[in-house]
Amino acid sequence: MFEKIAYFFAEILPAIRSKPKQEFGTKIRLKMDNSTQSLTLEQQANQAVFAMQVKQMSREQLQDLAIQMNEALMIQKNSYSELLKKQWGI
């Protein structure tokens, strides 16, 4: 765990800080697959930590994670659809 924290402060935090100065909580624009997505600084830090964890996983762990994430995305989509249906009275 200490290695992850040290890596975060040595590598990730300076990379985040090197981006254009913005207030905490504001969004930084990132280019992803021809569309522009926004992540807050906190989300960027969380993503960097997640990336470090994923790089240390075995193939089987990654497959399980991918299955769980796909299921979570489908549940999220269904939740949004149900919420919109209720709001629109459908």
N, C-alpha and C. Protein backbone atom coordinates (compact mmCIF):
# COMPACT_ATOMS: atom_id res chain seq x y z
N MET A 1 0.81 -1.19 0.00
CA MET A 1 0.00 0.00 0.00
C MET A 1 0.87 1.26 0.00
N PHE A 2 1.93 1.24 0.78
CA PHE A 2 2.82 2.40 0.84
C PHE A 2 3.39 2.72 -0.53
N GLU A 3 3.70 1.68 -1.31
CA GLU A 3 4.24 1.90 -2.65
C GLU A 3 3.25 2.65 -3.54
N LYS A 4 1.96 2.30 -3.41
CA LYS A 4 0.93 2.97 -4.21
C LYS A 4 0.82 4.44 -3.83
N ILE A 5 0.86 4.71 -2.53
CA ILE A 5 0.78 6.10 -2.08
C ILE A 5 1.99 6.88 -2.55
N ALA A 6 3.18 6.26 -2.42
CA ALA A 6 4.41 6.93 -2.85
C ALA A 6 4.37 7.18 -4.35
N TYR A 7 3.90 6.20 -5.12
CA TYR A 7 3.79 6.35 -6.57
C TYR A 7 2.83 7.49 -6.92
N PHE A 8 1.70 7.55 -6.19
CA PHE A 8 0.72 8.60 -6.45
C PHE A 8 1.35 9.97 -6.27
N PHE A 9 2.07 10.17 -5.14
CA PHE A 9 2.65 11.48 -4.88
C PHE A 9 3.86 11.77 -5.78
N ALA A 10 4.57 10.74 -6.20
CA ALA A 10 5.76 10.95 -7.03
C ALA A 10 5.43 11.11 -8.51
N GLU A 11 4.44 10.38 -8.99
CA GLU A 11 4.17 10.35 -10.43
C GLU A 11 2.85 11.00 -10.83
N ILE A 12 1.80 10.64 -10.16
CA ILE A 12 0.46 11.04 -10.60
C ILE A 12 0.14 12.47 -10.22
N LEU A 13 0.36 12.82 -8.98
CA LEU A 13 0.04 14.17 -8.53
C LEU A 13 0.79 15.23 -9.33
N PRO A 14 2.11 15.07 -9.58
CA PRO A 14 2.78 16.08 -10.42
C PRO A 14 2.20 16.16 -11.83
N ALA A 15 1.77 15.02 -12.38
CA ALA A 15 1.17 15.03 -13.72
C ALA A 15 -0.14 15.80 -13.72
N ILE A 16 -0.93 15.61 -12.67
CA ILE A 16 -2.20 16.34 -12.57
C ILE A 16 -1.93 17.83 -12.39
N ARG A 17 -0.96 18.15 -11.56
CA ARG A 17 -0.64 19.55 -11.30
C ARG A 17 -0.06 20.25 -12.52
N SER A 18 0.55 19.50 -13.43
CA SER A 18 1.16 20.12 -14.60
C SER A 18 0.11 20.55 -15.63
N LYS A 19 -1.12 20.10 -15.44
CA LYS A 19 -2.20 20.52 -16.33
C LYS A 19 -2.48 21.99 -16.10
N PRO A 20 -3.20 22.65 -16.99
CA PRO A 20 -3.51 24.07 -16.79
C PRO A 20 -4.15 24.29 -15.42
N LYS A 21 -3.76 25.37 -14.77
CA LYS A 21 -4.27 25.65 -13.42
C LYS A 21 -5.77 25.89 -13.49
N GLN A 22 -6.47 25.22 -12.61
CA GLN A 22 -7.90 25.39 -12.50
C GLN A 22 -8.28 25.24 -11.04
N GLU A 23 -9.41 25.78 -10.67
CA GLU A 23 -9.86 25.67 -9.29
C GLU A 23 -10.26 24.23 -9.00
N PHE A 24 -10.16 23.84 -7.72
CA PHE A 24 -10.56 22.50 -7.33
C PHE A 24 -12.01 22.27 -7.70
N GLY A 25 -12.29 21.12 -8.25
CA GLY A 25 -13.66 20.78 -8.61
C GLY A 25 -14.05 21.20 -10.01
N THR A 26 -13.25 22.02 -10.67
CA THR A 26 -13.57 22.37 -12.05
C THR A 26 -13.17 21.23 -12.96
N LYS A 27 -13.66 21.26 -14.15
CA LYS A 27 -13.43 20.15 -15.06
C LYS A 27 -12.28 20.43 -16.02
N ILE A 28 -11.52 19.39 -16.32
CA ILE A 28 -10.46 19.46 -17.31
C ILE A 28 -10.92 18.64 -18.50
N ARG A 29 -10.81 19.19 -19.66
CA ARG A 29 -11.27 18.52 -20.87
C ARG A 29 -10.25 17.49 -21.32
N LEU A 30 -10.72 16.29 -21.60
CA LEU A 30 -9.87 15.21 -22.09
C LEU A 30 -10.43 14.72 -23.42
N LYS A 31 -9.55 14.43 -24.37
CA LYS A 31 -9.98 13.90 -25.65
C LYS A 31 -10.04 12.38 -25.55
N MET A 32 -11.18 11.81 -25.90
CA MET A 32 -11.35 10.36 -25.87
C MET A 32 -12.20 9.95 -27.07
N ASP A 33 -11.63 9.17 -27.96
CA ASP A 33 -12.36 8.62 -29.10
C ASP A 33 -13.19 9.67 -29.85
N ASN A 34 -12.56 10.73 -30.26
CA ASN A 34 -13.20 11.79 -31.05
C ASN A 34 -14.31 12.54 -30.32
N SER A 35 -14.52 12.28 -29.04
CA SER A 35 -15.49 13.05 -28.28
C SER A 35 -14.79 13.61 -27.05
N THR A 36 -15.31 14.70 -26.54
CA THR A 36 -14.68 15.35 -25.40
C THR A 36 -15.43 14.95 -24.13
N GLN A 37 -14.70 14.42 -23.17
CA GLN A 37 -15.26 14.04 -21.88
C GLN A 37 -14.61 14.91 -20.81
N SER A 38 -15.29 15.06 -19.69
CA SER A 38 -14.76 15.88 -18.61
C SER A 38 -14.61 15.06 -17.35
N LEU A 39 -13.48 15.22 -16.69
CA LEU A 39 -13.23 14.60 -15.39
C LEU A 39 -12.74 15.68 -14.44
N THR A 40 -13.23 15.64 -13.21
CA THR A 40 -12.72 16.56 -12.21
C THR A 40 -11.33 16.08 -11.81
N LEU A 41 -10.60 16.93 -11.10
CA LEU A 41 -9.28 16.53 -10.62
C LEU A 41 -9.38 15.31 -9.72
N GLU A 42 -10.40 15.27 -8.88
CA GLU A 42 -10.59 14.12 -8.00
C GLU A 42 -10.83 12.85 -8.81
N GLN A 43 -11.64 12.94 -9.85
CA GLN A 43 -11.90 11.79 -10.70
C GLN A 43 -10.63 11.35 -11.43
N GLN A 44 -9.82 12.30 -11.87
CA GLN A 44 -8.56 11.95 -12.52
C GLN A 44 -7.65 11.19 -11.56
N ALA A 45 -7.59 11.64 -10.30
CA ALA A 45 -6.78 10.95 -9.31
C ALA A 45 -7.31 9.54 -9.06
N ASN A 46 -8.63 9.41 -8.93
CA ASN A 46 -9.24 8.09 -8.73
C ASN A 46 -8.96 7.18 -9.92
N GLN A 47 -9.04 7.74 -11.11
CA GLN A 47 -8.76 6.95 -12.32
C GLN A 47 -7.32 6.48 -12.35
N ALA A 48 -6.40 7.33 -11.95
CA ALA A 48 -4.98 6.96 -11.93
C ALA A 48 -4.72 5.85 -10.93
N VAL A 49 -5.34 5.94 -9.75
CA VAL A 49 -5.19 4.89 -8.74
C VAL A 49 -5.79 3.58 -9.25
N PHE A 50 -6.96 3.66 -9.88
CA PHE A 50 -7.60 2.47 -10.45
C PHE A 50 -6.71 1.84 -11.51
N ALA A 51 -6.10 2.66 -12.35
CA ALA A 51 -5.20 2.15 -13.40
C ALA A 51 -4.02 1.41 -12.79
N MET A 52 -3.48 1.94 -11.70
CA MET A 52 -2.37 1.25 -11.03
C MET A 52 -2.82 -0.11 -10.51
N GLN A 53 -3.99 -0.17 -9.93
CA GLN A 53 -4.50 -1.42 -9.38
C GLN A 53 -4.75 -2.44 -10.49
N VAL A 54 -5.32 -1.99 -11.61
CA VAL A 54 -5.62 -2.88 -12.72
C VAL A 54 -4.34 -3.48 -13.30
N LYS A 55 -3.30 -2.68 -13.39
CA LYS A 55 -2.03 -3.16 -13.94
C LYS A 55 -1.42 -4.28 -13.10
N GLN A 56 -1.83 -4.39 -11.85
CA GLN A 56 -1.28 -5.42 -10.98
C GLN A 56 -2.17 -6.67 -10.91
N MET A 57 -3.29 -6.68 -11.62
CA MET A 57 -4.22 -7.80 -11.57
C MET A 57 -3.82 -8.91 -12.53
N SER A 58 -4.24 -10.12 -12.19
CA SER A 58 -4.03 -11.26 -13.07
C SER A 58 -5.07 -11.23 -14.18
N ARG A 59 -4.88 -12.06 -15.19
CA ARG A 59 -5.82 -12.14 -16.30
C ARG A 59 -7.21 -12.54 -15.80
N GLU A 60 -7.28 -13.51 -14.91
CA GLU A 60 -8.56 -13.97 -14.37
C GLU A 60 -9.26 -12.86 -13.58
N GLN A 61 -8.50 -12.12 -12.79
CA GLN A 61 -9.07 -11.01 -12.04
C GLN A 61 -9.61 -9.94 -12.98
N LEU A 62 -8.88 -9.67 -14.06
CA LEU A 62 -9.32 -8.67 -15.04
C LEU A 62 -10.60 -9.11 -15.74
N GLN A 63 -10.68 -10.39 -16.06
CA GLN A 63 -11.90 -10.90 -16.70
C GLN A 63 -13.10 -10.76 -15.76
N ASP A 64 -12.93 -11.12 -14.50
CA ASP A 64 -14.00 -10.96 -13.52
C ASP A 64 -14.41 -9.50 -13.37
N LEU A 65 -13.42 -8.62 -13.32
CA LEU A 65 -13.69 -7.19 -13.20
C LEU A 65 -14.47 -6.68 -14.41
N ALA A 66 -14.07 -7.10 -15.60
CA ALA A 66 -14.76 -6.66 -16.82
C ALA A 66 -16.22 -7.11 -16.82
N ILE A 67 -16.47 -8.33 -16.37
CA ILE A 67 -17.84 -8.85 -16.30
C ILE A 67 -18.66 -8.05 -15.29
N GLN A 68 -18.07 -7.78 -14.12
CA GLN A 68 -18.77 -7.01 -13.09
C GLN A 68 -19.04 -5.58 -13.56
N MET A 69 -18.07 -4.97 -14.23
CA MET A 69 -18.25 -3.59 -14.70
C MET A 69 -19.32 -3.52 -15.79
N ASN A 70 -19.35 -4.51 -16.68
CA ASN A 70 -20.36 -4.54 -17.73
C ASN A 70 -21.75 -4.67 -17.12
N GLU A 71 -21.89 -5.54 -16.11
CA GLU A 71 -23.17 -5.69 -15.44
C GLU A 71 -23.59 -4.39 -14.75
N ALA A 72 -22.63 -3.73 -14.09
CA ALA A 72 -22.92 -2.47 -13.40
C ALA A 72 -23.37 -1.40 -14.39
N LEU A 73 -22.74 -1.35 -15.57
CA LEU A 73 -23.14 -0.37 -16.59
C LEU A 73 -24.55 -0.65 -17.11
N MET A 74 -24.89 -1.93 -17.29
CA MET A 74 -26.23 -2.27 -17.75
C MET A 74 -27.28 -1.91 -16.69
N ILE A 75 -26.97 -2.17 -15.41
CA ILE A 75 -27.89 -1.80 -14.33
C ILE A 75 -28.06 -0.29 -14.28
N GLN A 76 -26.96 0.44 -14.44
CA GLN A 76 -27.03 1.90 -14.45
C GLN A 76 -27.91 2.39 -15.59
N LYS A 77 -27.73 1.82 -16.77
CA LYS A 77 -28.54 2.21 -17.93
C LYS A 77 -30.02 1.94 -17.66
N ASN A 78 -30.32 0.77 -17.09
CA ASN A 78 -31.71 0.43 -16.78
C ASN A 78 -32.28 1.40 -15.75
N SER A 79 -31.48 1.77 -14.76
CA SER A 79 -31.94 2.72 -13.73
C SER A 79 -32.26 4.07 -14.34
N TYR A 80 -31.39 4.56 -15.22
CA TYR A 80 -31.65 5.83 -15.89
C TYR A 80 -32.91 5.75 -16.75
N SER A 81 -33.08 4.64 -17.46
CA SER A 81 -34.27 4.47 -18.30
C SER A 81 -35.54 4.48 -17.46
N GLU A 82 -35.54 3.77 -16.33
CA GLU A 82 -36.70 3.75 -15.46
C GLU A 82 -36.99 5.12 -14.88
N LEU A 83 -35.94 5.83 -14.48
CA LEU A 83 -36.11 7.18 -13.94
C LEU A 83 -36.73 8.10 -14.98
N LEU A 84 -36.24 8.04 -16.22
CA LEU A 84 -36.80 8.88 -17.29
C LEU A 84 -38.24 8.51 -17.59
N LYS A 85 -38.54 7.22 -17.60
CA LYS A 85 -39.92 6.79 -17.85
C LYS A 85 -40.87 7.35 -16.78
N LYS A 86 -40.43 7.30 -15.51
CA LYS A 86 -41.26 7.83 -14.44
C LYS A 86 -41.43 9.34 -14.58
N GLN A 87 -40.35 10.04 -14.90
CA GLN A 87 -40.41 11.49 -15.04
C GLN A 87 -41.30 11.91 -16.21
N TRP A 88 -41.25 11.14 -17.29
CA TRP A 88 -42.02 11.48 -18.48
C TRP A 88 -43.44 10.87 -18.45
N GLY A 89 -43.72 10.06 -17.43
CA GLY A 89 -45.04 9.44 -17.32
C GLY A 89 -45.31 8.39 -18.37
N ILE A 90 -44.27 7.68 -18.75
CA ILE A 90 -44.42 6.63 -19.78
C ILE A 90 -44.69 5.31 -19.12
